Amino acid sequence: MVESYTSENGTEVLIGQAVPKEAMQCKLLLNEVREWKITDRATPNLGMERLVGEVLEPAVKLGANYVHLDIPSEVSVMGVPVTILRDAQANYYDCESTQF
């Protein structure tokens, strides 16, 4: 799901979990690790809200018009959740088209 968010200065940035399509002609500006907390694993929607709040203003400063948030999926080994071992990734893009 991809949604539009408005920064403090009125700039719109799309943020979501969809990988940009090749036809969008996106240039990766920055890839960074974002902490995915234990509480985020328990309440992924709140975790996504937190990440959106953390990446919106940096996206505007970078000149990005799309941020792809890659959050850890639920994975367990022998019944033990190991998602906690992986953090989220924020990929900031400047895309020619933002049509998903």
C-alpha atoms as a PDB file:
ATOM      1  CA  MET A   1       0.000   0.000   0.000  1.00  0.00           C
ATOM      2  CA  VAL A   2       1.315   3.430  -0.983  1.00  0.00           C
ATOM      3  CA  GLU A   3      -0.036   6.649   0.504  1.00  0.00           C
ATOM      4  CA  SER A   4       0.657  10.333  -0.008  1.00  0.00           C
ATOM      5  CA  TYR A   5       1.914  12.376   2.947  1.00  0.00           C
ATOM      6  CA  THR A   6       2.425  16.121   3.218  1.00  0.00           C
ATOM      7  CA  SER A   7       5.535  17.496   4.904  1.00  0.00           C
ATOM      8  CA  GLU A   8       5.700  20.559   7.136  1.00  0.00           C
ATOM      9  CA  ASN A   9       6.543  22.764   4.117  1.00  0.00           C
ATOM     10  CA  GLY A  10       3.681  21.350   2.009  1.00  0.00           C
ATOM     11  CA  THR A  11       5.724  18.949  -0.140  1.00  0.00           C
ATOM     12  CA  GLU A  12       3.939  15.702  -0.960  1.00  0.00           C
ATOM     13  CA  VAL A  13       5.866  12.452  -0.664  1.00  0.00           C
ATOM     14  CA  LEU A  14       4.568   8.979  -1.415  1.00  0.00           C
ATOM     15  CA  ILE A  15       5.493   6.391   1.209  1.00  0.00           C
ATOM     16  CA  GLY A  16       4.709   2.701   1.130  1.00  0.00           C
ATOM     17  CA  GLN A  17       5.813  -0.887   0.957  1.00  0.00           C
ATOM     18  CA  ALA A  18       5.660  -1.293  -2.825  1.00  0.00           C
ATOM     19  CA  VAL A  19       8.910  -1.666  -4.722  1.00  0.00           C
ATOM     20  CA  PRO A  20       8.986   0.963  -7.489  1.00  0.00           C
ATOM     21  CA  LYS A  21       8.225  -0.355 -10.963  1.00  0.00           C
ATOM     22  CA  GLU A  22      10.869  -0.041 -13.669  1.00  0.00           C
ATOM     23  CA  ALA A  23       8.507   2.140 -15.731  1.00  0.00           C
ATOM     24  CA  MET A  24       8.561   4.738 -12.943  1.00  0.00           C
ATOM     25  CA  GLN A  25      12.234   5.457 -13.746  1.00  0.00           C
ATOM     26  CA  CYS A  26      13.334   5.904 -10.138  1.00  0.00           C
ATOM     27  CA  LYS A  27      16.788   6.886  -8.990  1.00  0.00           C
ATOM     28  CA  LEU A  28      17.806   5.575  -5.563  1.00  0.00           C
ATOM     29  CA  LEU A  29      19.019   8.515  -3.475  1.00  0.00           C
ATOM     30  CA  LEU A  30      19.657   6.780  -0.157  1.00  0.00           C
ATOM     31  CA  ASN A  31      19.167   3.446   1.539  1.00  0.00           C
ATOM     32  CA  GLU A  32      19.210   3.441   5.314  1.00  0.00           C
ATOM     33  CA  VAL A  33      18.477   1.069   8.148  1.00  0.00           C
ATOM     34  CA  ARG A  34      15.606   2.009  10.428  1.00  0.00           C
ATOM     35  CA  GLU A  35      15.078   0.257  13.749  1.00  0.00           C
ATOM     36  CA  TRP A  36      12.219  -2.250  13.822  1.00  0.00           C
ATOM     37  CA  LYS A  37      11.409  -2.561  17.517  1.00  0.00           C
ATOM     38  CA  ILE A  38       9.865  -5.430  19.446  1.00  0.00           C
ATOM     39  CA  THR A  39       6.712  -3.338  19.853  1.00  0.00           C
ATOM     40  CA  ASP A  40       6.627  -2.788  16.067  1.00  0.00           C
ATOM     41  CA  ARG A  41       6.597  -6.542  15.549  1.00  0.00           C
ATOM     42  CA  ALA A  42       3.635  -6.834  17.911  1.00  0.00           C
ATOM     43  CA  THR A  43       1.764  -3.906  16.322  1.00  0.00           C
ATOM     44  CA  PRO A  44       3.008  -3.511  12.730  1.00  0.00           C
ATOM     45  CA  ASN A  45       0.507  -0.743  11.872  1.00  0.00           C
ATOM     46  CA  LEU A  46       1.854   1.440  14.673  1.00  0.00           C
ATOM     47  CA  GLY A  47       5.388   0.561  13.602  1.00  0.00           C
ATOM     48  CA  MET A  48       4.622   1.730  10.056  1.00  0.00           C
ATOM     49  CA  GLU A  49       3.150   4.984  11.401  1.00  0.00           C
ATOM     50  CA  ARG A  50       6.328   5.555  13.406  1.00  0.00           C
ATOM     51  CA  LEU A  51       8.536   4.912  10.364  1.00  0.00           C
ATOM     52  CA  VAL A  52       6.463   7.240   8.180  1.00  0.00           C
ATOM     53  CA  GLY A  53       6.949   9.963  10.766  1.00  0.00           C
ATOM     54  CA  GLU A  54      10.700   9.332  10.779  1.00  0.00           C
ATOM     55  CA  VAL A  55      11.250   9.351   6.996  1.00  0.00           C
ATOM     56  CA  LEU A  56       8.940  12.114   5.721  1.00  0.00           C
ATOM     57  CA  GLU A  57      11.056  15.183   6.475  1.00  0.00           C
ATOM     58  CA  PRO A  58      14.383  13.521   5.525  1.00  0.00           C
ATOM     59  CA  ALA A  59      12.778  12.549   2.179  1.00  0.00           C
ATOM     60  CA  VAL A  60      11.940  16.183   1.455  1.00  0.00           C
ATOM     61  CA  LYS A  61      15.487  17.283   2.334  1.00  0.00           C
ATOM     62  CA  LEU A  62      16.912  14.649  -0.036  1.00  0.00           C
ATOM     63  CA  GLY A  63      14.553  15.596  -2.863  1.00  0.00           C
ATOM     64  CA  ALA A  64      12.841  12.191  -2.791  1.00  0.00           C
ATOM     65  CA  ASN A  65       9.263  11.866  -3.946  1.00  0.00           C
ATOM     66  CA  TYR A  66       8.875   8.199  -2.938  1.00  0.00           C
ATOM     67  CA  VAL A  67      10.079   6.235   0.077  1.00  0.00           C
ATOM     68  CA  HIS A  68       9.881   2.455  -0.057  1.00  0.00           C
ATOM     69  CA  LEU A  69       9.699   1.003   3.462  1.00  0.00           C
ATOM     70  CA  ASP A  70      10.864  -2.592   3.595  1.00  0.00           C
ATOM     71  CA  ILE A  71       9.751  -3.949   6.937  1.00  0.00           C
ATOM     72  CA  PRO A  72      10.646  -7.407   8.250  1.00  0.00           C
ATOM     73  CA  SER A  73       8.061 -10.075   7.572  1.00  0.00           C
ATOM     74  CA  GLU A  74       7.069 -12.524  10.275  1.00  0.00           C
ATOM     75  CA  VAL A  75       9.581 -15.358  10.274  1.00  0.00           C
ATOM     76  CA  SER A  76      10.082 -18.038  12.887  1.00  0.00           C
ATOM     77  CA  VAL A  77      12.623 -20.800  13.304  1.00  0.00           C
ATOM     78  CA  MET A  78      11.366 -23.832  15.197  1.00  0.00           C
ATOM     79  CA  GLY A  79       8.514 -21.741  16.572  1.00  0.00           C
ATOM     80  CA  VAL A  80      10.724 -18.882  17.769  1.00  0.00           C
ATOM     81  CA  PRO A  81      10.142 -15.506  16.052  1.00  0.00           C
ATOM     82  CA  VAL A  82      13.363 -14.204  14.480  1.00  0.00           C
ATOM     83  CA  THR A  83      11.925 -11.048  12.926  1.00  0.00           C
ATOM     84  CA  ILE A  84      13.418  -9.184  15.861  1.00  0.00           C
ATOM     85  CA  LEU A  85      16.851  -9.863  14.386  1.00  0.00           C
ATOM     86  CA  ARG A  86      16.179  -7.739  11.314  1.00  0.00           C
ATOM     87  CA  ASP A  87      15.630  -4.012  11.043  1.00  0.00           C
ATOM     88  CA  ALA A  88      13.551  -2.134   8.496  1.00  0.00           C
ATOM     89  CA  GLN A  89      15.028  -0.460   5.413  1.00  0.00           C
ATOM     90  CA  ALA A  90      14.056   2.961   4.095  1.00  0.00           C
ATOM     91  CA  ASN A  91      14.821   3.452   0.403  1.00  0.00           C
ATOM     92  CA  TYR A  92      14.510   7.064  -0.771  1.00  0.00           C
ATOM     93  CA  TYR A  93      13.800   7.548  -4.493  1.00  0.00           C
ATOM     94  CA  ASP A  94      13.443  10.377  -6.975  1.00  0.00           C
ATOM     95  CA  CYS A  95      10.985   9.013  -9.548  1.00  0.00           C
ATOM     96  CA  GLU A  96      10.019  10.437 -12.931  1.00  0.00           C
ATOM     97  CA  SER A  97       6.539   8.951 -12.492  1.00  0.00           C
ATOM     98  CA  THR A  98       4.767   8.087  -9.266  1.00  0.00           C
ATOM     99  CA  GLN A  99       2.040   5.972 -10.876  1.00  0.00           C
ATOM    100  CA  PHE A 100       1.845   2.576  -9.205  1.00  0.00           C
END
